[in-house]
């Protein structure tokens, strides 16, 4: 039986020795489906070329409204997203990157002063450690505003521990926002240990329903899919091994706050004020909640809480409270609700 330590070592070896650049990846599974927004492309031009060359994610699963916040990047690699985040959080914010691969962290640390001079402030810290135990690198309870990750959680052999650590370190109202690979079934044990499938972010892909159950046990019964897209397996060796499994790249949003396990109707309405930078006309909470600036939208109790009790609260006006209950929220009448219900997300 392959141990968690052996699986971690296999992943570390793949990312430190087998891969020399992102061109060595056999599939696009490790790539986030979030296309790089225009305002981040501008910042990307200021990132050191070596950091970009040795960074194995793509796209950029970074949420908005981060100024002045403390952001933790799990599996930061060479630090590309950390350096983008350093501009987004600004001089009063802080960015912490954690990774277990020393070879990649050495690249990140080597260029920290270079980025501090180029961006105007040094607010990035890198730590060598395992994302399953963030206490070993000194990250305290309730200390992080936002946790991000770019196709890394699937690489962990102990995903429940990773997710438990995330919710330990998040502040009340804090957000987990990450992109990763999910499978339409549980991956057979022998394939979960295959070095290539592990390194390509396929062998460790979580079955979505198991992921949802883990979060429910951690006190998060309502997780939202922001974007999702099928992954094409174009490498013949990979297809021969695991071609029977359907994979999706999903960007996920979850909050550390008391929520109900169903969408309940309290007659609440939310209005987006149009005040988030780079989002003047609208804001997407998930793949079926688009808030056009200034237009009132009926929302369930959970959605109202996600907007009002998180850092997004200053950008929304939420009318109504939970003093009067009207039963289950009518998901069927909402936009894209059928798709939301089909993939297990709340409306």
C-alpha atoms as a PDB file:
ATOM      1  CA  UNK A   1       0.000   0.000   0.000  1.00  0.00           C
ATOM      2  CA  UNK A   2       1.455   3.363  -1.029  1.00  0.00           C
ATOM      3  CA  UNK A   3       1.656   5.756   1.919  1.00  0.00           C
ATOM      4  CA  UNK A   4       0.801   9.445   1.990  1.00  0.00           C
ATOM      5  CA  UNK A   5       4.500  10.227   2.367  1.00  0.00           C
ATOM      6  CA  UNK A   6       5.333   8.218  -0.758  1.00  0.00           C
ATOM      7  CA  UNK A   7       2.593   9.957  -2.743  1.00  0.00           C
ATOM      8  CA  UNK A   8       3.823  13.381  -1.593  1.00  0.00           C
ATOM      9  CA  UNK A   9       7.377  12.437  -2.573  1.00  0.00           C
ATOM     10  CA  UNK A  10       6.166  11.282  -6.001  1.00  0.00           C
ATOM     11  CA  UNK A  11       4.458  14.636  -6.563  1.00  0.00           C
ATOM     12  CA  UNK A  12       7.485  16.568  -5.298  1.00  0.00           C
ATOM     13  CA  UNK A  13       9.776  14.601  -7.635  1.00  0.00           C
ATOM     14  CA  UNK A  14       7.485  15.218 -10.619  1.00  0.00           C
ATOM     15  CA  UNK A  15       7.422  18.972 -10.077  1.00  0.00           C
ATOM     16  CA  UNK A  16      11.083  19.350  -9.147  1.00  0.00           C
ATOM     17  CA  UNK A  17      12.808  16.876 -11.477  1.00  0.00           C
ATOM     18  CA  UNK A  18      10.506  15.649 -14.266  1.00  0.00           C
ATOM     19  CA  UNK A  19       8.998  19.022 -15.224  1.00  0.00           C
ATOM     20  CA  UNK A  20      11.424  21.708 -16.280  1.00  0.00           C
ATOM     21  CA  UNK A  21       8.816  24.114 -17.693  1.00  0.00           C
ATOM     22  CA  UNK A  22       5.062  24.230 -18.255  1.00  0.00           C
ATOM     23  CA  UNK A  23       5.698  22.895 -21.776  1.00  0.00           C
ATOM     24  CA  UNK A  24       6.545  19.494 -20.236  1.00  0.00           C
ATOM     25  CA  UNK A  25       2.989  18.931 -18.981  1.00  0.00           C
ATOM     26  CA  UNK A  26       1.194  16.123 -20.861  1.00  0.00           C
ATOM     27  CA  UNK A  27      -2.320  17.538 -20.387  1.00  0.00           C
ATOM     28  CA  UNK A  28      -4.010  20.864 -19.696  1.00  0.00           C
ATOM     29  CA  UNK A  29      -5.576  19.562 -16.473  1.00  0.00           C
ATOM     30  CA  UNK A  30      -3.231  21.626 -14.305  1.00  0.00           C
ATOM     31  CA  UNK A  31      -4.415  24.793 -16.002  1.00  0.00           C
ATOM     32  CA  UNK A  32      -7.077  26.931 -14.402  1.00  0.00           C
ATOM     33  CA  UNK A  33     -10.112  27.608 -16.591  1.00  0.00           C
ATOM     34  CA  UNK A  34     -10.073  31.238 -15.510  1.00  0.00           C
ATOM     35  CA  UNK A  35      -8.629  33.100 -18.473  1.00  0.00           C
ATOM     36  CA  UNK A  36      -6.223  35.785 -17.392  1.00  0.00           C
ATOM     37  CA  UNK A  37      -8.240  39.023 -17.051  1.00  0.00           C
ATOM     38  CA  UNK A  38      -6.870  42.083 -18.799  1.00  0.00           C
ATOM     39  CA  UNK A  39      -5.923  43.894 -15.576  1.00  0.00           C
ATOM     40  CA  UNK A  40      -3.866  40.867 -14.443  1.00  0.00           C
ATOM     41  CA  UNK A  41      -2.144  40.582 -17.818  1.00  0.00           C
ATOM     42  CA  UNK A  42      -0.817  44.079 -17.216  1.00  0.00           C
ATOM     43  CA  UNK A  43       0.605  42.975 -13.853  1.00  0.00           C
ATOM     44  CA  UNK A  44       1.942  39.748 -15.348  1.00  0.00           C
ATOM     45  CA  UNK A  45       4.264  41.792 -17.536  1.00  0.00           C
ATOM     46  CA  UNK A  46       6.045  42.849 -14.336  1.00  0.00           C
ATOM     47  CA  UNK A  47       6.737  39.310 -13.086  1.00  0.00           C
ATOM     48  CA  UNK A  48      10.261  37.913 -13.483  1.00  0.00           C
ATOM     49  CA  UNK A  49      10.649  35.630 -16.549  1.00  0.00           C
ATOM     50  CA  UNK A  50      12.090  32.720 -14.527  1.00  0.00           C
ATOM     51  CA  UNK A  51       9.095  32.777 -12.189  1.00  0.00           C
ATOM     52  CA  UNK A  52       6.771  32.525 -15.189  1.00  0.00           C
ATOM     53  CA  UNK A  53       8.768  29.797 -16.926  1.00  0.00           C
ATOM     54  CA  UNK A  54       8.799  27.443 -13.926  1.00  0.00           C
ATOM     55  CA  UNK A  55       5.173  28.073 -12.883  1.00  0.00           C
ATOM     56  CA  UNK A  56       2.972  25.087 -13.809  1.00  0.00           C
ATOM     57  CA  UNK A  57      -0.497  26.538 -13.439  1.00  0.00           C
ATOM     58  CA  UNK A  58      -2.168  28.746 -16.030  1.00  0.00           C
ATOM     59  CA  UNK A  59      -5.061  31.130 -15.998  1.00  0.00           C
ATOM     60  CA  UNK A  60      -5.487  32.915 -12.693  1.00  0.00           C
ATOM     61  CA  UNK A  61      -8.085  31.908 -10.077  1.00  0.00           C
ATOM     62  CA  UNK A  62      -7.815  35.134  -8.073  1.00  0.00           C
ATOM     63  CA  UNK A  63     -10.990  36.722  -6.682  1.00  0.00           C
ATOM     64  CA  UNK A  64     -11.624  40.479  -6.534  1.00  0.00           C
ATOM     65  CA  UNK A  65     -11.825  42.904  -3.589  1.00  0.00           C
ATOM     66  CA  UNK A  66      -8.478  41.997  -2.023  1.00  0.00           C
ATOM     67  CA  UNK A  67      -7.024  45.393  -1.085  1.00  0.00           C
ATOM     68  CA  UNK A  68      -5.636  45.364   2.453  1.00  0.00           C
ATOM     69  CA  UNK A  69      -6.363  41.655   2.926  1.00  0.00           C
ATOM     70  CA  UNK A  70      -4.162  38.767   4.030  1.00  0.00           C
ATOM     71  CA  UNK A  71      -4.130  36.104   1.310  1.00  0.00           C
ATOM     72  CA  UNK A  72      -2.701  32.583   1.556  1.00  0.00           C
ATOM     73  CA  UNK A  73      -1.645  30.793  -1.647  1.00  0.00           C
ATOM     74  CA  UNK A  74      -1.467  27.011  -1.187  1.00  0.00           C
ATOM     75  CA  UNK A  75       1.057  25.296  -3.439  1.00  0.00           C
ATOM     76  CA  UNK A  76       2.475  28.608  -4.591  1.00  0.00           C
ATOM     77  CA  UNK A  77       5.288  27.072  -6.663  1.00  0.00           C
ATOM     78  CA  UNK A  78       7.599  29.754  -8.030  1.00  0.00           C
ATOM     79  CA  UNK A  79       5.304  32.461  -6.721  1.00  0.00           C
ATOM     80  CA  UNK A  80       3.656  33.830  -9.860  1.00  0.00           C
ATOM     81  CA  UNK A  81       0.219  34.252  -8.275  1.00  0.00           C
ATOM     82  CA  UNK A  82       1.780  35.527  -5.045  1.00  0.00           C
ATOM     83  CA  UNK A  83       3.444  38.347  -6.941  1.00  0.00           C
ATOM     84  CA  UNK A  84       0.204  39.173  -8.740  1.00  0.00           C
ATOM     85  CA  UNK A  85      -1.572  39.131  -5.383  1.00  0.00           C
ATOM     86  CA  UNK A  86       1.024  41.464  -3.898  1.00  0.00           C
ATOM     87  CA  UNK A  87      -0.248  44.187  -6.211  1.00  0.00           C
ATOM     88  CA  UNK A  88      -3.893  43.321  -5.579  1.00  0.00           C
ATOM     89  CA  UNK A  89      -3.652  43.458  -1.767  1.00  0.00           C
ATOM     90  CA  UNK A  90      -1.562  46.651  -1.897  1.00  0.00           C
ATOM     91  CA  UNK A  91       0.846  48.074   0.683  1.00  0.00           C
ATOM     92  CA  UNK A  92      -1.443  47.356   3.650  1.00  0.00           C
ATOM     93  CA  UNK A  93      -2.092  43.741   2.661  1.00  0.00           C
ATOM     94  CA  UNK A  94      -0.014  40.589   3.017  1.00  0.00           C
ATOM     95  CA  UNK A  95       0.555  37.519   0.826  1.00  0.00           C
ATOM     96  CA  UNK A  96       1.805  34.175   2.141  1.00  0.00           C
ATOM     97  CA  UNK A  97       2.876  31.390  -0.211  1.00  0.00           C
ATOM     98  CA  UNK A  98       3.315  27.803   1.001  1.00  0.00           C
ATOM     99  CA  UNK A  99       4.858  24.969  -1.025  1.00  0.00           C
ATOM    100  CA  UNK A 100       6.585  21.650  -0.285  1.00  0.00           C
ATOM    101  CA  UNK A 101       8.947  21.765  -3.294  1.00  0.00           C
ATOM    102  CA  UNK A 102      12.195  23.491  -2.355  1.00  0.00           C
ATOM    103  CA  UNK A 103      13.361  23.748  -5.962  1.00  0.00           C
ATOM    104  CA  UNK A 104      10.365  25.896  -6.863  1.00  0.00           C
ATOM    105  CA  UNK A 105      10.451  27.946  -3.665  1.00  0.00           C
ATOM    106  CA  UNK A 106      14.087  28.781  -4.322  1.00  0.00           C
ATOM    107  CA  UNK A 107      13.015  30.441  -7.575  1.00  0.00           C
ATOM    108  CA  UNK A 108      10.270  32.368  -5.771  1.00  0.00           C
ATOM    109  CA  UNK A 109      12.527  33.565  -2.954  1.00  0.00           C
ATOM    110  CA  UNK A 110      15.422  34.433  -5.266  1.00  0.00           C
ATOM    111  CA  UNK A 111      13.289  37.063  -6.992  1.00  0.00           C
ATOM    112  CA  UNK A 112      11.449  38.467  -3.980  1.00  0.00           C
ATOM    113  CA  UNK A 113      13.628  41.594  -3.705  1.00  0.00           C
ATOM    114  CA  UNK A 114      13.413  42.097  -7.466  1.00  0.00           C
ATOM    115  CA  UNK A 115       9.607  42.162  -7.283  1.00  0.00           C
ATOM    116  CA  UNK A 116       9.550  44.321  -4.157  1.00  0.00           C
ATOM    117  CA  UNK A 117      11.583  46.961  -5.966  1.00  0.00           C
ATOM    118  CA  UNK A 118       9.547  46.677  -9.154  1.00  0.00           C
ATOM    119  CA  UNK A 119       6.126  46.763  -7.449  1.00  0.00           C
ATOM    120  CA  UNK A 120       7.069  49.304  -4.784  1.00  0.00           C
ATOM    121  CA  UNK A 121       6.535  47.254  -1.623  1.00  0.00           C
ATOM    122  CA  UNK A 122       7.580  43.914  -0.131  1.00  0.00           C
ATOM    123  CA  UNK A 123       4.475  42.232   1.231  1.00  0.00           C
ATOM    124  CA  UNK A 124       5.135  38.627   0.152  1.00  0.00           C
ATOM    125  CA  UNK A 125       6.430  35.828   2.366  1.00  0.00           C
ATOM    126  CA  UNK A 126       7.253  32.275   1.274  1.00  0.00           C
ATOM    127  CA  UNK A 127       7.185  29.229   3.552  1.00  0.00           C
ATOM    128  CA  UNK A 128       8.390  25.685   3.016  1.00  0.00           C
ATOM    129  CA  UNK A 129       5.845  23.220   4.334  1.00  0.00           C
ATOM    130  CA  UNK A 130       2.969  20.877   3.661  1.00  0.00           C
ATOM    131  CA  UNK A 131      -0.501  22.264   3.078  1.00  0.00           C
ATOM    132  CA  UNK A 132      -1.941  19.433   5.207  1.00  0.00           C
ATOM    133  CA  UNK A 133      -0.425  21.010   8.333  1.00  0.00           C
ATOM    134  CA  UNK A 134      -0.191  24.787   8.131  1.00  0.00           C
ATOM    135  CA  UNK A 135       0.458  25.054  11.867  1.00  0.00           C
ATOM    136  CA  UNK A 136       4.021  23.822  11.270  1.00  0.00           C
ATOM    137  CA  UNK A 137       4.755  27.020   9.333  1.00  0.00           C
ATOM    138  CA  UNK A 138       3.092  29.181  11.969  1.00  0.00           C
ATOM    139  CA  UNK A 139      -0.216  30.087  10.336  1.00  0.00           C
ATOM    140  CA  UNK A 140      -2.597  30.778  13.214  1.00  0.00           C
ATOM    141  CA  UNK A 141      -6.314  30.127  13.619  1.00  0.00           C
ATOM    142  CA  UNK A 142      -8.624  32.766  12.121  1.00  0.00           C
ATOM    143  CA  UNK A 143      -5.759  34.761  10.588  1.00  0.00           C
ATOM    144  CA  UNK A 144      -6.390  34.641   6.821  1.00  0.00           C
ATOM    145  CA  UNK A 145      -8.943  36.627   4.817  1.00  0.00           C
ATOM    146  CA  UNK A 146      -8.732  34.617   1.585  1.00  0.00           C
ATOM    147  CA  UNK A 147      -7.185  31.255   0.660  1.00  0.00           C
ATOM    148  CA  UNK A 148      -6.393  30.639  -3.012  1.00  0.00           C
ATOM    149  CA  UNK A 149      -4.969  27.625  -4.831  1.00  0.00           C
ATOM    150  CA  UNK A 150      -4.262  26.913  -8.479  1.00  0.00           C
ATOM    151  CA  UNK A 151      -4.779  23.183  -9.164  1.00  0.00           C
ATOM    152  CA  UNK A 152      -2.864  21.967  -6.112  1.00  0.00           C
ATOM    153  CA  UNK A 153      -5.333  20.488  -3.609  1.00  0.00           C
ATOM    154  CA  UNK A 154      -5.832  17.472  -5.909  1.00  0.00           C
ATOM    155  CA  UNK A 155      -2.112  16.684  -5.482  1.00  0.00           C
ATOM    156  CA  UNK A 156      -2.482  16.113  -1.750  1.00  0.00           C
ATOM    157  CA  UNK A 157      -2.942  12.521  -0.528  1.00  0.00           C
ATOM    158  CA  UNK A 158      -4.844  13.861   2.494  1.00  0.00           C
ATOM    159  CA  UNK A 159      -7.399  16.272   1.099  1.00  0.00           C
ATOM    160  CA  UNK A 160      -9.714  16.302   4.159  1.00  0.00           C
ATOM    161  CA  UNK A 161      -6.740  17.519   6.218  1.00  0.00           C
ATOM    162  CA  UNK A 162      -5.984  20.262   3.682  1.00  0.00           C
ATOM    163  CA  UNK A 163      -9.575  21.480   3.685  1.00  0.00           C
ATOM    164  CA  UNK A 164      -9.775  21.296   7.488  1.00  0.00           C
ATOM    165  CA  UNK A 165      -6.625  23.415   7.725  1.00  0.00           C
ATOM    166  CA  UNK A 166      -8.080  25.956   5.316  1.00  0.00           C
ATOM    167  CA  UNK A 167     -11.165  26.437   7.448  1.00  0.00           C
ATOM    168  CA  UNK A 168      -9.021  26.560  10.600  1.00  0.00           C
ATOM    169  CA  UNK A 169      -6.902  29.458   9.358  1.00  0.00           C
ATOM    170  CA  UNK A 170      -9.690  31.424   7.631  1.00  0.00           C
ATOM    171  CA  UNK A 171     -11.222  34.283   9.552  1.00  0.00           C
ATOM    172  CA  UNK A 172     -14.995  34.193  10.109  1.00  0.00           C
ATOM    173  CA  UNK A 173     -16.461  35.410   6.830  1.00  0.00           C
ATOM    174  CA  UNK A 174     -13.265  34.475   5.003  1.00  0.00           C
ATOM    175  CA  UNK A 175     -13.263  32.929   1.548  1.00  0.00           C
ATOM    176  CA  UNK A 176     -11.750  29.847  -0.057  1.00  0.00           C
ATOM    177  CA  UNK A 177     -11.402  30.484  -3.796  1.00  0.00           C
ATOM    178  CA  UNK A 178      -9.574  27.904  -5.884  1.00  0.00           C
ATOM    179  CA  UNK A 179      -9.467  26.079  -9.199  1.00  0.00           C
ATOM    180  CA  UNK A 180      -8.931  22.334  -9.383  1.00  0.00           C
ATOM    181  CA  UNK A 181      -9.703  19.114 -11.224  1.00  0.00           C
ATOM    182  CA  UNK A 182     -12.764  17.055 -10.271  1.00  0.00           C
ATOM    183  CA  UNK A 183     -13.806  13.611 -11.503  1.00  0.00           C
ATOM    184  CA  UNK A 184     -17.218  12.138 -12.268  1.00  0.00           C
ATOM    185  CA  UNK A 185     -16.379   9.086 -10.113  1.00  0.00           C
ATOM    186  CA  UNK A 186     -13.928   7.866  -7.483  1.00  0.00           C
ATOM    187  CA  UNK A 187     -10.547   7.120  -9.062  1.00  0.00           C
ATOM    188  CA  UNK A 188      -9.403   3.460  -8.670  1.00  0.00           C
ATOM    189  CA  UNK A 189      -6.689   3.031  -6.016  1.00  0.00           C
ATOM    190  CA  UNK A 190      -3.970   1.886  -8.431  1.00  0.00           C
ATOM    191  CA  UNK A 191      -4.480   4.956 -10.624  1.00  0.00           C
ATOM    192  CA  UNK A 192      -4.386   7.302  -7.618  1.00  0.00           C
ATOM    193  CA  UNK A 193      -0.790   6.145  -7.126  1.00  0.00           C
ATOM    194  CA  UNK A 194       0.393   6.467 -10.733  1.00  0.00           C
ATOM    195  CA  UNK A 195       3.224   9.080 -10.810  1.00  0.00           C
ATOM    196  CA  UNK A 196       2.272  10.558 -14.193  1.00  0.00           C
ATOM    197  CA  UNK A 197      -1.454  10.733 -13.435  1.00  0.00           C
ATOM    198  CA  UNK A 198      -0.690  12.290 -10.046  1.00  0.00           C
ATOM    199  CA  UNK A 199       1.657  14.873 -11.513  1.00  0.00           C
ATOM    200  CA  UNK A 200      -0.803  15.724 -14.266  1.00  0.00           C
ATOM    201  CA  UNK A 201      -3.517  16.489 -11.662  1.00  0.00           C
ATOM    202  CA  UNK A 202      -5.687  13.539 -12.706  1.00  0.00           C
ATOM    203  CA  UNK A 203      -4.895  10.647 -10.354  1.00  0.00           C
ATOM    204  CA  UNK A 204      -5.703  12.741  -7.304  1.00  0.00           C
ATOM    205  CA  UNK A 205      -8.829  14.396  -8.670  1.00  0.00           C
ATOM    206  CA  UNK A 206     -11.680  14.376  -6.175  1.00  0.00           C
ATOM    207  CA  UNK A 207     -15.124  13.028  -6.975  1.00  0.00           C
ATOM    208  CA  UNK A 208     -17.267  16.175  -6.704  1.00  0.00           C
ATOM    209  CA  UNK A 209     -19.812  14.599  -4.357  1.00  0.00           C
ATOM    210  CA  UNK A 210     -17.045  13.474  -1.976  1.00  0.00           C
ATOM    211  CA  UNK A 211     -15.651  17.014  -2.001  1.00  0.00           C
ATOM    212  CA  UNK A 212     -19.084  18.385  -1.169  1.00  0.00           C
ATOM    213  CA  UNK A 213     -19.450  15.899   1.690  1.00  0.00           C
ATOM    214  CA  UNK A 214     -16.035  16.800   3.144  1.00  0.00           C
ATOM    215  CA  UNK A 215     -16.941  20.480   3.236  1.00  0.00           C
ATOM    216  CA  UNK A 216     -20.323  19.685   4.773  1.00  0.00           C
ATOM    217  CA  UNK A 217     -18.567  17.813   7.607  1.00  0.00           C
ATOM    218  CA  UNK A 218     -16.309  20.823   8.109  1.00  0.00           C
ATOM    219  CA  UNK A 219     -19.342  23.062   8.622  1.00  0.00           C
ATOM    220  CA  UNK A 220     -19.634  24.370   5.056  1.00  0.00           C
ATOM    221  CA  UNK A 221     -22.853  22.894   3.609  1.00  0.00           C
ATOM    222  CA  UNK A 222     -23.086  25.270   0.650  1.00  0.00           C
ATOM    223  CA  UNK A 223     -20.171  25.376  -1.799  1.00  0.00           C
ATOM    224  CA  UNK A 224     -20.504  27.277  -5.084  1.00  0.00           C
ATOM    225  CA  UNK A 225     -19.065  26.477  -8.508  1.00  0.00           C
ATOM    226  CA  UNK A 226     -18.010  29.710 -10.205  1.00  0.00           C
ATOM    227  CA  UNK A 227     -16.892  28.195 -13.514  1.00  0.00           C
ATOM    228  CA  UNK A 228     -16.555  24.666 -14.859  1.00  0.00           C
ATOM    229  CA  UNK A 229     -15.289  23.180 -18.081  1.00  0.00           C
ATOM    230  CA  UNK A 230     -14.553  19.628 -19.310  1.00  0.00           C
ATOM    231  CA  UNK A 231     -10.913  18.578 -19.627  1.00  0.00           C
ATOM    232  CA  UNK A 232      -9.745  16.926 -22.820  1.00  0.00           C
ATOM    233  CA  UNK A 233      -7.255  14.064 -22.424  1.00  0.00           C
ATOM    234  CA  UNK A 234      -5.074  14.399 -25.516  1.00  0.00           C
ATOM    235  CA  UNK A 235      -2.071  12.283 -24.490  1.00  0.00           C
ATOM    236  CA  UNK A 236      -2.358   8.640 -25.662  1.00  0.00           C
ATOM    237  CA  UNK A 237      -0.594   7.246 -22.586  1.00  0.00           C
ATOM    238  CA  UNK A 238      -2.919   9.133 -20.263  1.00  0.00           C
ATOM    239  CA  UNK A 239      -6.023   8.090 -22.205  1.00  0.00           C
ATOM    240  CA  UNK A 240      -4.978   4.426 -22.084  1.00  0.00           C
ATOM    241  CA  UNK A 241      -4.751   4.576 -18.316  1.00  0.00           C
ATOM    242  CA  UNK A 242      -7.715   6.688 -17.296  1.00  0.00           C
ATOM    243  CA  UNK A 243      -9.771   7.475 -20.392  1.00  0.00           C
ATOM    244  CA  UNK A 244     -12.950   6.054 -18.808  1.00  0.00           C
ATOM    245  CA  UNK A 245     -13.112   8.941 -16.309  1.00  0.00           C
ATOM    246  CA  UNK A 246     -14.596  12.317 -17.193  1.00  0.00           C
ATOM    247  CA  UNK A 247     -12.743  15.259 -15.674  1.00  0.00           C
ATOM    248  CA  UNK A 248     -13.815  18.855 -15.175  1.00  0.00           C
ATOM    249  CA  UNK A 249     -11.825  21.904 -14.234  1.00  0.00           C
ATOM    250  CA  UNK A 250     -13.878  23.808 -11.667  1.00  0.00           C
ATOM    251  CA  UNK A 251     -13.357  27.137  -9.946  1.00  0.00           C
ATOM    252  CA  UNK A 252     -14.860  26.916  -6.464  1.00  0.00           C
ATOM    253  CA  UNK A 253     -15.943  29.498  -3.908  1.00  0.00           C
ATOM    254  CA  UNK A 254     -16.761  28.689  -0.274  1.00  0.00           C
ATOM    255  CA  UNK A 255     -17.108  30.820   2.844  1.00  0.00           C
ATOM    256  CA  UNK A 256     -16.385  30.272   6.516  1.00  0.00           C
ATOM    257  CA  UNK A 257     -19.734  31.235   7.992  1.00  0.00           C
ATOM    258  CA  UNK A 258     -22.894  29.549   9.346  1.00  0.00           C
ATOM    259  CA  UNK A 259     -25.004  28.458   6.389  1.00  0.00           C
ATOM    260  CA  UNK A 260     -27.984  26.194   5.889  1.00  0.00           C
ATOM    261  CA  UNK A 261     -27.823  22.956   3.897  1.00  0.00           C
ATOM    262  CA  UNK A 262     -30.649  24.050   1.591  1.00  0.00           C
ATOM    263  CA  UNK A 263     -31.620  27.314  -0.054  1.00  0.00           C
ATOM    264  CA  UNK A 264     -34.246  28.842   2.230  1.00  0.00           C
ATOM    265  CA  UNK A 265     -36.454  31.778   1.281  1.00  0.00           C
ATOM    266  CA  UNK A 266     -36.633  34.756   3.644  1.00  0.00           C
ATOM    267  CA  UNK A 267     -37.821  37.277   1.075  1.00  0.00           C
ATOM    268  CA  UNK A 268     -34.394  38.885   0.788  1.00  0.00           C
ATOM    269  CA  UNK A 269     -33.120  41.002  -2.084  1.00  0.00           C
ATOM    270  CA  UNK A 270     -29.528  41.985  -2.939  1.00  0.00           C
ATOM    271  CA  UNK A 271     -28.247  44.885  -5.030  1.00  0.00           C
ATOM    272  CA  UNK A 272     -24.694  45.143  -6.300  1.00  0.00           C
ATOM    273  CA  UNK A 273     -23.384  48.706  -5.970  1.00  0.00           C
ATOM    274  CA  UNK A 274     -20.853  48.442  -8.814  1.00  0.00           C
ATOM    275  CA  UNK A 275     -17.960  49.400  -6.546  1.00  0.00           C
ATOM    276  CA  UNK A 276     -15.544  46.479  -6.948  1.00  0.00           C
ATOM    277  CA  UNK A 277     -12.489  47.434  -8.994  1.00  0.00           C
ATOM    278  CA  UNK A 278     -12.524  45.950 -12.511  1.00  0.00           C
ATOM    279  CA  UNK A 279     -16.204  44.978 -12.064  1.00  0.00           C
ATOM    280  CA  UNK A 280     -18.154  48.216 -12.583  1.00  0.00           C
ATOM    281  CA  UNK A 281     -21.107  46.664 -14.406  1.00  0.00           C
ATOM    282  CA  UNK A 282     -21.674  43.370 -12.640  1.00  0.00           C
ATOM    283  CA  UNK A 283     -20.393  40.692 -10.272  1.00  0.00           C
ATOM    284  CA  UNK A 284     -20.660  36.904 -10.572  1.00  0.00           C
ATOM    285  CA  UNK A 285     -20.977  35.176  -7.227  1.00  0.00           C
ATOM    286  CA  UNK A 286     -21.133  31.793  -8.967  1.00  0.00           C
ATOM    287  CA  UNK A 287     -22.161  30.266 -12.277  1.00  0.00           C
ATOM    288  CA  UNK A 288     -25.827  31.126 -11.768  1.00  0.00           C
ATOM    289  CA  UNK A 289     -25.795  34.374  -9.776  1.00  0.00           C
ATOM    290  CA  UNK A 290     -24.960  37.370 -11.939  1.00  0.00           C
ATOM    291  CA  UNK A 291     -25.564  40.664 -10.142  1.00  0.00           C
ATOM    292  CA  UNK A 292     -25.944  43.535 -12.575  1.00  0.00           C
ATOM    293  CA  UNK A 293     -24.968  46.813 -10.935  1.00  0.00           C
ATOM    294  CA  UNK A 294     -28.006  48.575  -9.531  1.00  0.00           C
ATOM    295  CA  UNK A 295     -30.519  45.821 -10.368  1.00  0.00           C
ATOM    296  CA  UNK A 296     -32.250  44.131  -7.383  1.00  0.00           C
ATOM    297  CA  UNK A 297     -32.158  40.323  -7.379  1.00  0.00           C
ATOM    298  CA  UNK A 298     -34.089  37.929  -5.128  1.00  0.00           C
ATOM    299  CA  UNK A 299     -31.687  35.697  -3.189  1.00  0.00           C
ATOM    300  CA  UNK A 300     -31.883  32.807  -0.755  1.00  0.00           C
ATOM    301  CA  UNK A 301     -30.709  33.182   2.825  1.00  0.00           C
ATOM    302  CA  UNK A 302     -27.311  31.615   2.154  1.00  0.00           C
ATOM    303  CA  UNK A 303     -26.572  33.911  -0.770  1.00  0.00           C
ATOM    304  CA  UNK A 304     -27.627  36.928   1.276  1.00  0.00           C
ATOM    305  CA  UNK A 305     -25.195  35.887   4.022  1.00  0.00           C
ATOM    306  CA  UNK A 306     -22.347  35.244   1.571  1.00  0.00           C
ATOM    307  CA  UNK A 307     -22.737  38.784   0.296  1.00  0.00           C
ATOM    308  CA  UNK A 308     -23.426  40.606   3.556  1.00  0.00           C
ATOM    309  CA  UNK A 309     -21.165  38.734   6.007  1.00  0.00           C
ATOM    310  CA  UNK A 310     -18.029  38.569   3.844  1.00  0.00           C
ATOM    311  CA  UNK A 311     -15.655  41.218   2.547  1.00  0.00           C
ATOM    312  CA  UNK A 312     -18.149  41.761  -0.292  1.00  0.00           C
ATOM    313  CA  UNK A 313     -20.559  43.323   2.198  1.00  0.00           C
ATOM    314  CA  UNK A 314     -19.439  46.876   1.509  1.00  0.00           C
ATOM    315  CA  UNK A 315     -20.197  46.372  -2.183  1.00  0.00           C
ATOM    316  CA  UNK A 316     -23.780  45.147  -1.733  1.00  0.00           C
ATOM    317  CA  UNK A 317     -27.000  46.328  -0.208  1.00  0.00           C
ATOM    318  CA  UNK A 318     -29.024  43.419   1.156  1.00  0.00           C
ATOM    319  CA  UNK A 319     -32.654  44.091   2.036  1.00  0.00           C
ATOM    320  CA  UNK A 320     -34.547  41.964   4.522  1.00  0.00           C
ATOM    321  CA  UNK A 321     -33.557  39.663   7.346  1.00  0.00           C
ATOM    322  CA  UNK A 322     -34.451  36.159   8.513  1.00  0.00           C
ATOM    323  CA  UNK A 323     -37.300  37.084  10.803  1.00  0.00           C
ATOM    324  CA  UNK A 324     -39.875  35.618   8.416  1.00  0.00           C
ATOM    325  CA  UNK A 325     -39.495  32.337   6.528  1.00  0.00           C
ATOM    326  CA  UNK A 326     -41.264  31.461   3.267  1.00  0.00           C
ATOM    327  CA  UNK A 327     -40.040  27.867   2.814  1.00  0.00           C
ATOM    328  CA  UNK A 328     -37.544  26.580   0.296  1.00  0.00           C
ATOM    329  CA  UNK A 329     -36.190  29.115  -2.171  1.00  0.00           C
ATOM    330  CA  UNK A 330     -37.638  28.625  -5.644  1.00  0.00           C
ATOM    331  CA  UNK A 331     -34.475  27.522  -7.441  1.00  0.00           C
ATOM    332  CA  UNK A 332     -36.332  26.468 -10.576  1.00  0.00           C
ATOM    333  CA  UNK A 333     -37.296  30.022 -11.450  1.00  0.00           C
ATOM    334  CA  UNK A 334     -33.721  31.285 -11.141  1.00  0.00           C
ATOM    335  CA  UNK A 335     -31.351  31.602 -14.077  1.00  0.00           C
ATOM    336  CA  UNK A 336     -29.254  28.473 -14.743  1.00  0.00           C
ATOM    337  CA  UNK A 337     -30.820  26.839 -11.689  1.00  0.00           C
ATOM    338  CA  UNK A 338     -31.322  23.484 -13.376  1.00  0.00           C
ATOM    339  CA  UNK A 339     -27.633  23.229 -14.132  1.00  0.00           C
ATOM    340  CA  UNK A 340     -26.810  24.298 -10.582  1.00  0.00           C
ATOM    341  CA  UNK A 341     -29.030  21.639  -9.078  1.00  0.00           C
ATOM    342  CA  UNK A 342     -27.637  19.010 -11.421  1.00  0.00           C
ATOM    343  CA  UNK A 343     -24.059  19.557 -10.279  1.00  0.00           C
ATOM    344  CA  UNK A 344     -24.944  19.587  -6.584  1.00  0.00           C
ATOM    345  CA  UNK A 345     -24.477  23.274  -5.906  1.00  0.00           C
ATOM    346  CA  UNK A 346     -26.964  25.418  -4.047  1.00  0.00           C
ATOM    347  CA  UNK A 347     -29.055  27.993  -5.861  1.00  0.00           C
END
